[in-house]
PDB file of N, CA and C in Angstrom:
ATOM      1  N   MET A   1     -30.105   8.521   0.878  1.00  0.00           N
ATOM      2  CA  MET A   1     -30.197   9.685   1.746  1.00  0.00           C
ATOM      3  C   MET A   1     -29.162  10.702   1.268  1.00  0.00           C
ATOM      4  N   THR A   2     -29.583  11.924   1.108  1.00  0.00           N
ATOM      5  CA  THR A   2     -28.657  12.984   0.700  1.00  0.00           C
ATOM      6  C   THR A   2     -27.904  13.522   1.915  1.00  0.00           C
ATOM      7  N   LYS A   3     -26.883  14.325   1.636  1.00  0.00           N
ATOM      8  CA  LYS A   3     -26.106  14.927   2.717  1.00  0.00           C
ATOM      9  C   LYS A   3     -27.015  15.774   3.611  1.00  0.00           C
ATOM     10  N   GLN A   4     -27.882  16.566   2.999  1.00  0.00           N
ATOM     11  CA  GLN A   4     -28.761  17.434   3.784  1.00  0.00           C
ATOM     12  C   GLN A   4     -29.754  16.622   4.612  1.00  0.00           C
ATOM     13  N   GLU A   5     -30.252  15.530   4.058  1.00  0.00           N
ATOM     14  CA  GLU A   5     -31.156  14.662   4.810  1.00  0.00           C
ATOM     15  C   GLU A   5     -30.434  14.033   5.994  1.00  0.00           C
ATOM     16  N   LEU A   6     -29.179  13.661   5.801  1.00  0.00           N
ATOM     17  CA  LEU A   6     -28.380  13.111   6.900  1.00  0.00           C
ATOM     18  C   LEU A   6     -28.178  14.153   7.993  1.00  0.00           C
ATOM     19  N   ILE A   7     -27.827  15.362   7.597  1.00  0.00           N
ATOM     20  CA  ILE A   7     -27.651  16.452   8.570  1.00  0.00           C
ATOM     21  C   ILE A   7     -28.941  16.695   9.329  1.00  0.00           C
ATOM     22  N   ASP A   8     -30.053  16.750   8.626  1.00  0.00           N
ATOM     23  CA  ASP A   8     -31.358  16.969   9.267  1.00  0.00           C
ATOM     24  C   ASP A   8     -31.685  15.857  10.256  1.00  0.00           C
ATOM     25  N   ALA A   9     -31.432  14.599   9.857  1.00  0.00           N
ATOM     26  CA  ALA A   9     -31.750  13.462  10.720  1.00  0.00           C
ATOM     27  C   ALA A   9     -30.874  13.460  11.978  1.00  0.00           C
ATOM     28  N   ILE A  10     -29.589  13.745  11.820  1.00  0.00           N
ATOM     29  CA  ILE A  10     -28.698  13.777  12.976  1.00  0.00           C
ATOM     30  C   ILE A  10     -29.051  14.927  13.896  1.00  0.00           C
ATOM     31  N   ALA A  11     -29.370  16.073  13.332  1.00  0.00           N
ATOM     32  CA  ALA A  11     -29.767  17.232  14.144  1.00  0.00           C
ATOM     33  C   ALA A  11     -31.037  16.921  14.930  1.00  0.00           C
ATOM     34  N   ALA A  12     -31.996  16.288  14.282  1.00  0.00           N
ATOM     35  CA  ALA A  12     -33.253  15.950  14.957  1.00  0.00           C
ATOM     36  C   ALA A  12     -33.017  14.928  16.074  1.00  0.00           C
ATOM     37  N   GLU A  13     -32.168  13.946  15.828  1.00  0.00           N
ATOM     38  CA  GLU A  13     -31.895  12.891  16.816  1.00  0.00           C
ATOM     39  C   GLU A  13     -31.072  13.399  17.990  1.00  0.00           C
ATOM     40  N   SER A  14     -30.098  14.280  17.698  1.00  0.00           N
ATOM     41  CA  SER A  14     -29.161  14.708  18.737  1.00  0.00           C
ATOM     42  C   SER A  14     -29.540  15.997  19.440  1.00  0.00           C
ATOM     43  N   GLY A  15     -30.329  16.832  18.770  1.00  0.00           N
ATOM     44  CA  GLY A  15     -30.663  18.127  19.345  1.00  0.00           C
ATOM     45  C   GLY A  15     -29.629  19.205  19.049  1.00  0.00           C
ATOM     46  N   TYR A  16     -28.558  18.863  18.315  1.00  0.00           N
ATOM     47  CA  TYR A  16     -27.551  19.849  17.935  1.00  0.00           C
ATOM     48  C   TYR A  16     -28.054  20.678  16.765  1.00  0.00           C
ATOM     49  N   PRO A  17     -27.597  21.919  16.660  1.00  0.00           N
ATOM     50  CA  PRO A  17     -27.969  22.742  15.505  1.00  0.00           C
ATOM     51  C   PRO A  17     -27.408  22.137  14.216  1.00  0.00           C
ATOM     52  N   LYS A  18     -28.135  22.340  13.122  1.00  0.00           N
ATOM     53  CA  LYS A  18     -27.717  21.762  11.846  1.00  0.00           C
ATOM     54  C   LYS A  18     -26.327  22.219  11.419  1.00  0.00           C
ATOM     55  N   ILE A  19     -25.981  23.458  11.679  1.00  0.00           N
ATOM     56  CA  ILE A  19     -24.669  23.969  11.281  1.00  0.00           C
ATOM     57  C   ILE A  19     -23.554  23.232  12.013  1.00  0.00           C
ATOM     58  N   GLU A  20     -23.783  22.891  13.287  1.00  0.00           N
ATOM     59  CA  GLU A  20     -22.782  22.136  14.056  1.00  0.00           C
ATOM     60  C   GLU A  20     -22.663  20.705  13.534  1.00  0.00           C
ATOM     61  N   VAL A  21     -23.786  20.101  13.194  1.00  0.00           N
ATOM     62  CA  VAL A  21     -23.769  18.745  12.649  1.00  0.00           C
ATOM     63  C   VAL A  21     -22.997  18.733  11.335  1.00  0.00           C
ATOM     64  N   GLU A  22     -23.213  19.741  10.490  1.00  0.00           N
ATOM     65  CA  GLU A  22     -22.502  19.816   9.213  1.00  0.00           C
ATOM     66  C   GLU A  22     -20.999  19.956   9.432  1.00  0.00           C
ATOM     67  N   ARG A  23     -20.606  20.775  10.399  1.00  0.00           N
ATOM     68  CA  ARG A  23     -19.178  20.936  10.709  1.00  0.00           C
ATOM     69  C   ARG A  23     -18.570  19.636  11.216  1.00  0.00           C
ATOM     70  N   ILE A  24     -19.298  18.921  12.047  1.00  0.00           N
ATOM     71  CA  ILE A  24     -18.819  17.646  12.583  1.00  0.00           C
ATOM     72  C   ILE A  24     -18.655  16.616  11.459  1.00  0.00           C
ATOM     73  N   LEU A  25     -19.630  16.555  10.565  1.00  0.00           N
ATOM     74  CA  LEU A  25     -19.530  15.615   9.452  1.00  0.00           C
ATOM     75  C   LEU A  25     -18.357  15.944   8.537  1.00  0.00           C
ATOM     76  N   LEU A  26     -18.112  17.223   8.301  1.00  0.00           N
ATOM     77  CA  LEU A  26     -16.969  17.633   7.491  1.00  0.00           C
ATOM     78  C   LEU A  26     -15.659  17.238   8.183  1.00  0.00           C
ATOM     79  N   ALA A  27     -15.578  17.501   9.475  1.00  0.00           N
ATOM     80  CA  ALA A  27     -14.371  17.138  10.234  1.00  0.00           C
ATOM     81  C   ALA A  27     -14.171  15.624  10.226  1.00  0.00           C
ATOM     82  N   GLN A  28     -15.248  14.874  10.359  1.00  0.00           N
ATOM     83  CA  GLN A  28     -15.157  13.414  10.335  1.00  0.00           C
ATOM     84  C   GLN A  28     -14.625  12.940   8.986  1.00  0.00           C
ATOM     85  N   ALA A  29     -15.116  13.505   7.905  1.00  0.00           N
ATOM     86  CA  ALA A  29     -14.651  13.118   6.574  1.00  0.00           C
ATOM     87  C   ALA A  29     -13.163  13.401   6.411  1.00  0.00           C
ATOM     88  N   ILE A  30     -12.710  14.532   6.919  1.00  0.00           N
ATOM     89  CA  ILE A  30     -11.291  14.892   6.828  1.00  0.00           C
ATOM     90  C   ILE A  30     -10.435  13.907   7.617  1.00  0.00           C
ATOM     91  N   VAL A  31     -10.873  13.556   8.824  1.00  0.00           N
ATOM     92  CA  VAL A  31     -10.122  12.621   9.664  1.00  0.00           C
ATOM     93  C   VAL A  31     -10.100  11.226   9.026  1.00  0.00           C
ATOM     94  N   VAL A  32     -11.228  10.772   8.510  1.00  0.00           N
ATOM     95  CA  VAL A  32     -11.284   9.456   7.867  1.00  0.00           C
ATOM     96  C   VAL A  32     -10.328   9.419   6.673  1.00  0.00           C
ATOM     97  N   GLU A  33     -10.377  10.443   5.829  1.00  0.00           N
ATOM     98  CA  GLU A  33      -9.504  10.499   4.658  1.00  0.00           C
ATOM     99  C   GLU A  33      -8.028  10.490   5.054  1.00  0.00           C
ATOM    100  N   ALA A  34      -7.667  11.318   6.012  1.00  0.00           N
ATOM    101  CA  ALA A  34      -6.265  11.398   6.441  1.00  0.00           C
ATOM    102  C   ALA A  34      -5.804  10.074   7.050  1.00  0.00           C
ATOM    103  N   THR A  35      -6.641   9.452   7.840  1.00  0.00           N
ATOM    104  CA  THR A  35      -6.291   8.186   8.489  1.00  0.00           C
ATOM    105  C   THR A  35      -6.087   7.084   7.457  1.00  0.00           C
ATOM    106  N   LEU A  36      -6.994   6.975   6.496  1.00  0.00           N
ATOM    107  CA  LEU A  36      -6.879   5.927   5.494  1.00  0.00           C
ATOM    108  C   LEU A  36      -5.737   6.211   4.512  1.00  0.00           C
ATOM    109  N   ARG A  37      -5.482   7.480   4.243  1.00  0.00           N
ATOM    110  CA  ARG A  37      -4.362   7.833   3.363  1.00  0.00           C
ATOM    111  C   ARG A  37      -3.044   7.371   3.979  1.00  0.00           C
ATOM    112  N   ASP A  38      -2.951   7.439   5.315  1.00  0.00           N
ATOM    113  CA  ASP A  38      -1.748   7.006   6.024  1.00  0.00           C
ATOM    114  C   ASP A  38      -1.736   5.509   6.291  1.00  0.00           C
ATOM    115  N   LYS A  39      -2.693   4.778   5.706  1.00  0.00           N
ATOM    116  CA  LYS A  39      -2.777   3.314   5.780  1.00  0.00           C
ATOM    117  C   LYS A  39      -3.112   2.779   7.168  1.00  0.00           C
ATOM    118  N   TRP A  40      -3.820   3.553   7.962  1.00  0.00           N
ATOM    119  CA  TRP A  40      -4.267   3.098   9.275  1.00  0.00           C
ATOM    120  C   TRP A  40      -5.674   2.525   9.154  1.00  0.00           C
ATOM    121  N   GLU A  41      -6.081   1.802  10.185  1.00  0.00           N
ATOM    122  CA  GLU A  41      -7.476   1.371  10.302  1.00  0.00           C
ATOM    123  C   GLU A  41      -8.244   2.451  11.041  1.00  0.00           C
ATOM    124  N   LEU A  42      -9.540   2.491  10.811  1.00  0.00           N
ATOM    125  CA  LEU A  42     -10.369   3.447  11.509  1.00  0.00           C
ATOM    126  C   LEU A  42     -11.662   2.759  11.918  1.00  0.00           C
ATOM    127  N   VAL A  43     -11.991   2.825  13.202  1.00  0.00           N
ATOM    128  CA  VAL A  43     -13.214   2.221  13.708  1.00  0.00           C
ATOM    129  C   VAL A  43     -14.215   3.327  14.014  1.00  0.00           C
ATOM    130  N   LEU A  44     -15.401   3.222  13.406  1.00  0.00           N
ATOM    131  CA  LEU A  44     -16.508   4.110  13.751  1.00  0.00           C
ATOM    132  C   LEU A  44     -17.482   3.285  14.588  1.00  0.00           C
ATOM    133  N   PRO A  45     -17.578   3.565  15.873  1.00  0.00           N
ATOM    134  CA  PRO A  45     -18.450   2.768  16.750  1.00  0.00           C
ATOM    135  C   PRO A  45     -19.881   2.724  16.223  1.00  0.00           C
ATOM    136  N   GLY A  46     -20.441   1.523  16.209  1.00  0.00           N
ATOM    137  CA  GLY A  46     -21.807   1.341  15.743  1.00  0.00           C
ATOM    138  C   GLY A  46     -21.927   1.230  14.236  1.00  0.00           C
ATOM    139  N   VAL A  47     -20.840   1.484  13.508  1.00  0.00           N
ATOM    140  CA  VAL A  47     -20.871   1.409  12.043  1.00  0.00           C
ATOM    141  C   VAL A  47     -19.971   0.280  11.554  1.00  0.00           C
ATOM    142  N   GLY A  48     -18.674   0.402  11.806  1.00  0.00           N
ATOM    143  CA  GLY A  48     -17.769  -0.638  11.356  1.00  0.00           C
ATOM    144  C   GLY A  48     -16.332  -0.180  11.335  1.00  0.00           C
ATOM    145  N   LYS A  49     -15.501  -0.993  10.684  1.00  0.00           N
ATOM    146  CA  LYS A  49     -14.076  -0.728  10.623  1.00  0.00           C
ATOM    147  C   LYS A  49     -13.682  -0.492   9.167  1.00  0.00           C
ATOM    148  N   PHE A  50     -13.080   0.669   8.911  1.00  0.00           N
ATOM    149  CA  PHE A  50     -12.546   0.997   7.596  1.00  0.00           C
ATOM    150  C   PHE A  50     -11.078   0.604   7.566  1.00  0.00           C
ATOM    151  N   ASN A  51     -10.628   0.082   6.438  1.00  0.00           N
ATOM    152  CA  ASN A  51      -9.208  -0.132   6.222  1.00  0.00           C
ATOM    153  C   ASN A  51      -8.932  -0.089   4.731  1.00  0.00           C
ATOM    154  N   THR A  52      -7.657  -0.064   4.382  1.00  0.00           N
ATOM    155  CA  THR A  52      -7.288  -0.058   2.974  1.00  0.00           C
ATOM    156  C   THR A  52      -6.687  -1.401   2.619  1.00  0.00           C
ATOM    157  N   GLU A  53      -6.800  -1.736   1.350  1.00  0.00           N
ATOM    158  CA  GLU A  53      -6.274  -3.002   0.863  1.00  0.00           C
ATOM    159  C   GLU A  53      -5.706  -2.773  -0.522  1.00  0.00           C
ATOM    160  N   GLN A  54      -4.591  -3.406  -0.808  1.00  0.00           N
ATOM    161  CA  GLN A  54      -3.970  -3.277  -2.118  1.00  0.00           C
ATOM    162  C   GLN A  54      -4.580  -4.312  -3.054  1.00  0.00           C
ATOM    163  N   ARG A  55      -5.119  -3.853  -4.178  1.00  0.00           N
ATOM    164  CA  ARG A  55      -5.655  -4.761  -5.191  1.00  0.00           C
ATOM    165  C   ARG A  55      -4.578  -4.908  -6.265  1.00  0.00           C
ATOM    166  N   PRO A  56      -4.145  -6.133  -6.567  1.00  0.00           N
ATOM    167  CA  PRO A  56      -3.060  -6.324  -7.532  1.00  0.00           C
ATOM    168  C   PRO A  56      -3.500  -6.022  -8.970  1.00  0.00           C
ATOM    169  N   ALA A  57      -2.520  -5.782  -9.821  1.00  0.00           N
ATOM    170  CA  ALA A  57      -2.800  -5.592 -11.244  1.00  0.00           C
ATOM    171  C   ALA A  57      -3.359  -6.905 -11.800  1.00  0.00           C
ATOM    172  N   ARG A  58      -4.207  -6.788 -12.819  1.00  0.00           N
ATOM    173  CA  ARG A  58      -4.806  -7.995 -13.392  1.00  0.00           C
ATOM    174  C   ARG A  58      -5.228  -7.736 -14.827  1.00  0.00           C
ATOM    175  N   LYS A  59      -5.612  -8.777 -15.505  1.00  0.00           N
ATOM    176  CA  LYS A  59      -6.133  -8.691 -16.862  1.00  0.00           C
ATOM    177  C   LYS A  59      -7.652  -8.614 -16.777  1.00  0.00           C
ATOM    178  N   GLY A  60      -8.236  -7.867 -17.681  1.00  0.00           N
ATOM    179  CA  GLY A  60      -9.687  -7.757 -17.730  1.00  0.00           C
ATOM    180  C   GLY A  60     -10.145  -7.735 -19.174  1.00  0.00           C
ATOM    181  N   ARG A  61     -11.435  -7.625 -19.371  1.00  0.00           N
ATOM    182  CA  ARG A  61     -11.998  -7.602 -20.712  1.00  0.00           C
ATOM    183  C   ARG A  61     -12.912  -6.386 -20.828  1.00  0.00           C
ATOM    184  N   ASN A  62     -12.724  -5.614 -21.890  1.00  0.00           N
ATOM    185  CA  ASN A  62     -13.594  -4.485 -22.175  1.00  0.00           C
ATOM    186  C   ASN A  62     -14.950  -5.046 -22.590  1.00  0.00           C
ATOM    187  N   PRO A  63     -16.019  -4.766 -21.846  1.00  0.00           N
ATOM    188  CA  PRO A  63     -17.315  -5.369 -22.160  1.00  0.00           C
ATOM    189  C   PRO A  63     -17.896  -4.899 -23.496  1.00  0.00           C
ATOM    190  N   SER A  64     -17.483  -3.737 -23.982  1.00  0.00           N
ATOM    191  CA  SER A  64     -18.003  -3.230 -25.250  1.00  0.00           C
ATOM    192  C   SER A  64     -17.374  -3.934 -26.442  1.00  0.00           C
ATOM    193  N   THR A  65     -16.053  -4.113 -26.379  1.00  0.00           N
ATOM    194  CA  THR A  65     -15.332  -4.645 -27.534  1.00  0.00           C
ATOM    195  C   THR A  65     -14.885  -6.078 -27.356  1.00  0.00           C
ATOM    196  N   GLY A  66     -14.821  -6.546 -26.119  1.00  0.00           N
ATOM    197  CA  GLY A  66     -14.313  -7.890 -25.849  1.00  0.00           C
ATOM    198  C   GLY A  66     -12.793  -7.947 -25.819  1.00  0.00           C
ATOM    199  N   GLN A  67     -12.132  -6.819 -26.036  1.00  0.00           N
ATOM    200  CA  GLN A  67     -10.676  -6.764 -26.066  1.00  0.00           C
ATOM    201  C   GLN A  67     -10.109  -6.899 -24.654  1.00  0.00           C
ATOM    202  N   MET A  68      -8.998  -7.639 -24.534  1.00  0.00           N
ATOM    203  CA  MET A  68      -8.322  -7.796 -23.244  1.00  0.00           C
ATOM    204  C   MET A  68      -7.597  -6.495 -22.892  1.00  0.00           C
ATOM    205  N   ILE A  69      -7.678  -6.100 -21.623  1.00  0.00           N
ATOM    206  CA  ILE A  69      -7.030  -4.878 -21.164  1.00  0.00           C
ATOM    207  C   ILE A  69      -6.267  -5.169 -19.879  1.00  0.00           C
ATOM    208  N   ASP A  70      -5.282  -4.319 -19.593  1.00  0.00           N
ATOM    209  CA  ASP A  70      -4.543  -4.404 -18.339  1.00  0.00           C
ATOM    210  C   ASP A  70      -5.197  -3.462 -17.336  1.00  0.00           C
ATOM    211  N   ILE A  71      -5.537  -3.985 -16.168  1.00  0.00           N
ATOM    212  CA  ILE A  71      -6.100  -3.180 -15.096  1.00  0.00           C
ATOM    213  C   ILE A  71      -4.994  -2.972 -14.071  1.00  0.00           C
ATOM    214  N   PRO A  72      -4.608  -1.725 -13.805  1.00  0.00           N
ATOM    215  CA  PRO A  72      -3.470  -1.476 -12.910  1.00  0.00           C
ATOM    216  C   PRO A  72      -3.801  -1.784 -11.447  1.00  0.00           C
ATOM    217  N   ALA A  73      -2.755  -1.987 -10.662  1.00  0.00           N
ATOM    218  CA  ALA A  73      -2.920  -2.186  -9.217  1.00  0.00           C
ATOM    219  C   ALA A  73      -3.433  -0.887  -8.610  1.00  0.00           C
ATOM    220  N   LYS A  74      -4.197  -1.004  -7.530  1.00  0.00           N
ATOM    221  CA  LYS A  74      -4.670   0.195  -6.844  1.00  0.00           C
ATOM    222  C   LYS A  74      -5.028  -0.132  -5.401  1.00  0.00           C
ATOM    223  N   THR A  75      -5.113   0.912  -4.610  1.00  0.00           N
ATOM    224  CA  THR A  75      -5.508   0.787  -3.211  1.00  0.00           C
ATOM    225  C   THR A  75      -6.998   1.062  -3.116  1.00  0.00           C
ATOM    226  N   ILE A  76      -7.715   0.184  -2.419  1.00  0.00           N
ATOM    227  CA  ILE A  76      -9.155   0.357  -2.257  1.00  0.00           C
ATOM    228  C   ILE A  76      -9.489   0.513  -0.772  1.00  0.00           C
ATOM    229  N   VAL A  77     -10.642   1.082  -0.500  1.00  0.00           N
ATOM    230  CA  VAL A  77     -11.133   1.241   0.867  1.00  0.00           C
ATOM    231  C   VAL A  77     -12.179   0.164   1.114  1.00  0.00           C
ATOM    232  N   LYS A  78     -12.060  -0.498   2.239  1.00  0.00           N
ATOM    233  CA  LYS A  78     -13.034  -1.526   2.621  1.00  0.00           C
ATOM    234  C   LYS A  78     -13.686  -1.143   3.940  1.00  0.00           C
ATOM    235  N   LEU A  79     -14.938  -1.518   4.099  1.00  0.00           N
ATOM    236  CA  LEU A  79     -15.671  -1.313   5.345  1.00  0.00           C
ATOM    237  C   LEU A  79     -16.236  -2.649   5.775  1.00  0.00           C
ATOM    238  N   LYS A  80     -15.891  -3.040   6.993  1.00  0.00           N
ATOM    239  CA  LYS A  80     -16.495  -4.232   7.569  1.00  0.00           C
ATOM    240  C   LYS A  80     -17.479  -3.747   8.633  1.00  0.00           C
ATOM    241  N   ALA A  81     -18.753  -3.922   8.356  1.00  0.00           N
ATOM    242  CA  ALA A  81     -19.798  -3.444   9.255  1.00  0.00           C
ATOM    243  C   ALA A  81     -19.818  -4.263  10.545  1.00  0.00           C
ATOM    244  N   VAL A  82     -20.191  -3.597  11.650  1.00  0.00           N
ATOM    245  CA  VAL A  82     -20.314  -4.301  12.928  1.00  0.00           C
ATOM    246  C   VAL A  82     -21.484  -5.271  12.852  1.00  0.00           C
ATOM    247  N   LYS A  83     -21.453  -6.282  13.688  1.00  0.00           N
ATOM    248  CA  LYS A  83     -22.469  -7.332  13.647  1.00  0.00           C
ATOM    249  C   LYS A  83     -23.876  -6.791  13.854  1.00  0.00           C
ATOM    250  N   THR A  84     -24.046  -5.856  14.761  1.00  0.00           N
ATOM    251  CA  THR A  84     -25.397  -5.329  15.012  1.00  0.00           C
ATOM    252  C   THR A  84     -25.961  -4.629  13.763  1.00  0.00           C
ATOM    253  N   LEU A  85     -25.097  -3.942  13.006  1.00  0.00           N
ATOM    254  CA  LEU A  85     -25.544  -3.289  11.779  1.00  0.00           C
ATOM    255  C   LEU A  85     -25.857  -4.317  10.707  1.00  0.00           C
ATOM    256  N   ARG A  86     -25.003  -5.331  10.574  1.00  0.00           N
ATOM    257  CA  ARG A  86     -25.258  -6.393   9.586  1.00  0.00           C
ATOM    258  C   ARG A  86     -26.572  -7.093   9.894  1.00  0.00           C
ATOM    259  N   ASP A  87     -26.803  -7.388  11.174  1.00  0.00           N
ATOM    260  CA  ASP A  87     -28.035  -8.072  11.566  1.00  0.00           C
ATOM    261  C   ASP A  87     -29.260  -7.200  11.330  1.00  0.00           C
ATOM    262  N   ALA A  88     -29.122  -5.898  11.527  1.00  0.00           N
ATOM    263  CA  ALA A  88     -30.264  -4.979  11.373  1.00  0.00           C
ATOM    264  C   ALA A  88     -30.734  -4.877   9.934  1.00  0.00           C
ATOM    265  N   VAL A  89     -29.820  -5.026   8.976  1.00  0.00           N
ATOM    266  CA  VAL A  89     -30.212  -4.861   7.570  1.00  0.00           C
ATOM    267  C   VAL A  89     -30.531  -6.173   6.868  1.00  0.00           C
ATOM    268  N   GLN A  90     -30.309  -7.305   7.535  1.00  0.00           N
ATOM    269  CA  GLN A  90     -30.663  -8.583   6.918  1.00  0.00           C
ATOM    270  C   GLN A  90     -32.167  -8.733   6.870  1.00  0.00           C
ATOM    271  N   ARG A  91     -32.612  -9.409   5.858  1.00  0.00           N
ATOM    272  CA  ARG A  91     -34.070  -9.599   5.673  1.00  0.00           C
ATOM    273  C   ARG A  91     -34.517 -10.922   6.180  1.00  0.00           C
TER     274      ARG A  91
END
C-alpha cells in the first residue's frame, strides 16, 4: 500500500478530509521518531508496541567474495504486533 492509498483508505473509513489525514500521519511519524530516538517505548493501539534494541557488533561474511567483515553495533527498531493483529494475518 502506498502512502496515498493509506491516506485514501483512512479518509474513506473515518470521514476526515484527506488533507487532515495526511497531516495526522505526518505528525504521527514525527512523534514516533522522536519517541524512539529518546529510547522510549511507543504503543499504537490496535497495531503494536515499538521499541529500540541495541544490536552488538559481530563478524559477518560478504556474500559476493566470501571475505569476513566486521559489522558494527547499531540500534534497531522493533515492533511487536498486538495479538489481534497477529491472529488476523495468520493463515
